[in-house]
Structures are given as C-alpha cells and as structure tokens.
Amino acid sequence: MFDNIGGKIKAVAKVICWIGIIASIIIGFIMLVQDEDTALAGLLTMVLGSLGSWIGSFITYGFGQLVENSDILVQQGNKPPVTTTHTNNISTSQTIQGEHMWRCEGCGNMISEEICPVCNKEKLENLKKWKEQGLITEEEYVQKMESLKHV
C-alpha cells in the first residue's frame, strides 16, 4: 500500500490534472451555451481552468519526483553513481558526479574515497600525511608501502 509512494503521488497528480481539465471544459461549455452573457466567462473557464489545473499539478508531481529521488539516494547509500567502462581489458571506474581524487595503487580504479572500496587500499598520500603527523611510525609506513607494492 505504501510501496513506491513517489510514483503514486505522481499518478494522483496526473489524475487530478485531467479531472480539473475535463471539469473546466464541461463547466465552460455549459456556461458557453447557457446564455450570451456567460459565453465569455465560459470560454475563459475552459482555457484558464485547464491551464490552472495543469500548472497546479506541477507542485504535486514535483513532490512525487522528490520522493522517488530520495528513495534512489537512500538505496545507493548516498554515494555518487559509478559506471564501469572496459578498455584494453582493463576496468576503470568513473564517477558521474564530482571529480576523482586518486587512482588506487592496488587495483587501478579511480576512487573518490580515502580507502578503495574494491581492494581496501589506503590512498598513498594518507600514509605520507599520517607519517608526517606522527600518527603512524616509520616502521608502519614502510610495512604499508611494501604491502601496496605486492598487490
């Protein structure tokens, strides 16, 4: 009942829009043929009522689209979408949104995160920065660099 609520909101917006357009045309036609004095009002009702229904549905339809888009973002885990292309039997990833930060030394994929999600290797610049800040020892730095070379 509450699955795909964004699509349902958009469908309701379309139905209400069409009901408003049809009602405007019917009411405008009745006013048009009823009396000469209401002919102009009937014509305006048909045109402006239909236009108002159409424009008024934008808000509801747009809200449904926002709900659908937020569902998509939640499913992606708020990560930018990634496409994979294959060239010369080498797989490289390219993010659609934003810039790449580095190429993973372990697997060669373009990564926009600090740790490669494919092979769990850290960015080499992080290792250098951590060593300079004293967060890791020289020995830990050398061990990590050696482990990156073996992959």
Protein backbone atom coordinates (compact mmCIF):
# COMPACT_ATOMS: atom_id res chain seq x y z
CA MET A 1 0.00 0.00 0.00
CA PHE A 2 2.85 2.38 0.78
CA ASP A 3 5.42 0.96 -1.64
CA ASN A 4 6.54 3.24 -4.47
CA ILE A 5 4.79 6.20 -2.85
CA GLY A 6 6.58 8.69 -5.11
CA GLY A 7 5.12 7.02 -8.20
CA LYS A 8 1.67 7.01 -6.61
CA ILE A 9 1.89 10.73 -5.78
CA LYS A 10 2.85 11.43 -9.40
CA ALA A 11 -0.05 9.29 -10.68
CA VAL A 12 -2.51 11.15 -8.41
CA ALA A 13 -1.15 14.47 -9.72
CA LYS A 14 -1.83 13.34 -13.30
CA VAL A 15 -5.35 12.14 -12.45
CA ILE A 16 -6.24 15.35 -10.62
CA CYS A 17 -4.85 17.39 -13.51
CA TRP A 18 -7.00 15.54 -16.05
CA ILE A 19 -10.09 15.75 -13.82
CA GLY A 20 -9.53 19.51 -13.49
CA ILE A 21 -9.10 19.93 -17.25
CA ILE A 22 -12.21 17.88 -18.05
CA ALA A 23 -14.28 19.68 -15.37
CA SER A 24 -13.13 23.09 -16.69
CA ILE A 25 -14.11 22.17 -20.23
CA ILE A 26 -17.54 20.81 -19.19
CA ILE A 27 -18.35 23.76 -16.92
CA GLY A 28 -17.05 26.22 -19.52
CA PHE A 29 -19.14 24.57 -22.25
CA ILE A 30 -22.28 24.72 -20.09
CA MET A 31 -21.65 28.41 -19.43
CA LEU A 32 -20.93 28.99 -23.13
CA VAL A 33 -24.23 27.55 -24.39
CA GLN A 34 -26.37 28.68 -21.46
CA ASP A 35 -26.56 32.39 -22.19
CA GLU A 36 -24.89 35.07 -24.31
CA ASP A 37 -23.88 36.94 -21.18
CA THR A 38 -21.89 33.97 -19.82
CA ALA A 39 -20.29 32.98 -23.15
CA LEU A 40 -17.06 34.87 -22.50
CA ALA A 41 -16.88 33.57 -18.92
CA GLY A 42 -17.43 30.04 -20.23
CA LEU A 43 -14.61 30.39 -22.75
CA LEU A 44 -12.29 31.82 -20.08
CA THR A 45 -13.28 29.00 -17.71
CA MET A 46 -12.32 26.41 -20.32
CA VAL A 47 -8.94 27.99 -21.09
CA LEU A 48 -7.87 29.33 -17.70
CA GLY A 49 -9.33 26.40 -15.74
CA SER A 50 -7.46 23.87 -17.89
CA LEU A 51 -4.26 25.89 -17.66
CA GLY A 52 -4.67 26.26 -13.88
CA SER A 53 -5.19 22.51 -13.42
CA TRP A 54 -2.11 21.75 -15.47
CA ILE A 55 0.11 24.28 -13.69
CA GLY A 56 -1.31 23.34 -10.27
CA SER A 57 -0.35 19.71 -10.81
CA PHE A 58 3.33 20.70 -11.10
CA ILE A 59 3.68 21.02 -7.32
CA THR A 60 2.20 17.61 -6.54
CA TYR A 61 4.04 15.90 -9.39
CA GLY A 62 7.31 17.58 -8.35
CA PHE A 63 6.84 16.40 -4.77
CA GLY A 64 6.34 12.84 -6.05
CA GLN A 65 9.55 13.16 -8.07
CA LEU A 66 11.43 14.36 -4.96
CA VAL A 67 10.18 11.36 -3.00
CA GLU A 68 11.30 8.98 -5.79
CA ASN A 69 14.72 10.64 -5.99
CA SER A 70 15.24 10.46 -2.23
CA ASP A 71 14.37 6.74 -2.31
CA ILE A 72 17.01 6.23 -5.02
CA LEU A 73 19.62 8.10 -2.96
CA VAL A 74 18.84 6.02 0.12
CA GLN A 75 19.21 2.81 -1.90
CA GLN A 76 22.60 4.00 -3.20
CA GLY A 77 23.77 4.79 0.30
CA ASN A 78 24.32 8.45 -0.61
CA LYS A 79 27.26 7.53 -2.88
CA PRO A 80 27.60 9.08 -6.32
CA PRO A 81 26.59 6.69 -9.11
CA VAL A 82 29.51 4.83 -10.69
CA THR A 83 29.76 3.46 -14.21
CA THR A 84 32.38 0.97 -15.30
CA THR A 85 33.97 1.03 -18.74
CA HIS A 86 36.24 -1.62 -20.20
CA THR A 87 39.19 -0.57 -22.37
CA ASN A 88 42.01 -2.90 -23.38
CA ASN A 89 40.71 -5.49 -20.88
CA ILE A 90 41.36 -3.02 -18.02
CA SER A 91 38.36 -1.97 -15.97
CA THR A 92 38.36 1.66 -14.84
CA SER A 93 35.61 3.35 -12.86
CA GLN A 94 34.46 6.89 -13.48
CA THR A 95 32.15 8.78 -11.17
CA ILE A 96 29.38 10.67 -12.88
CA GLN A 97 29.22 13.38 -10.23
CA GLY A 98 32.29 15.19 -8.92
CA GLU A 99 35.99 14.80 -9.52
CA HIS A 100 38.16 11.74 -8.88
CA MET A 101 40.60 12.20 -6.08
CA TRP A 102 43.12 9.45 -6.81
CA ARG A 103 43.91 6.24 -8.67
CA CYS A 104 44.14 3.23 -6.38
CA GLU A 105 47.66 1.77 -6.35
CA GLY A 106 46.25 -1.69 -5.60
CA CYS A 107 43.62 -2.18 -8.32
CA GLY A 108 43.97 0.88 -10.57
CA ASN A 109 40.37 2.08 -10.13
CA MET A 110 39.63 5.79 -9.89
CA ILE A 111 38.48 6.40 -6.30
CA SER A 112 36.82 9.41 -4.71
CA GLU A 113 37.08 7.99 -1.19
CA GLU A 114 40.00 7.71 1.22
CA ILE A 115 40.05 3.89 1.16
CA CYS A 116 39.44 1.92 -2.05
CA PRO A 117 36.10 0.07 -1.78
CA VAL A 118 37.36 -2.55 -4.26
CA CYS A 119 40.62 -3.66 -2.64
CA ASN A 120 40.62 -1.72 0.70
CA LYS A 121 43.93 0.04 -0.02
CA GLU A 122 44.54 3.45 1.51
CA LYS A 123 45.48 6.48 -0.51
CA LEU A 124 49.29 6.80 -0.58
CA GLU A 125 49.08 10.47 0.31
CA ASN A 126 47.25 9.47 3.50
CA LEU A 127 50.13 7.25 4.54
CA LYS A 128 52.64 10.05 3.98
CA LYS A 129 50.45 12.54 5.82
CA TRP A 130 49.90 10.16 8.75
CA LYS A 131 53.66 9.53 9.00
CA GLU A 132 54.41 13.28 8.96
CA GLN A 133 51.79 13.93 11.64
CA GLY A 134 53.19 11.13 13.80
CA LEU A 135 50.01 9.07 13.62
CA ILE A 136 51.94 6.05 12.32
CA THR A 137 55.55 5.08 12.89
CA GLU A 138 58.24 4.83 10.21
CA GLU A 139 58.04 1.05 10.52
CA GLU A 140 54.26 1.01 9.97
CA TYR A 141 54.70 3.31 6.98
CA VAL A 142 57.32 1.04 5.39
CA GLN A 143 55.20 -2.07 6.03
CA LYS A 144 52.16 -0.49 4.44
CA MET A 145 54.17 0.73 1.42
CA GLU A 146 55.59 -2.79 0.96
CA SER A 147 52.11 -4.32 1.13
CA LEU A 148 50.92 -1.91 -1.59
CA LYS A 149 53.80 -2.92 -3.88
CA HIS A 150 52.93 -6.62 -3.64
CA VAL A 151 49.40 -6.23 -4.99
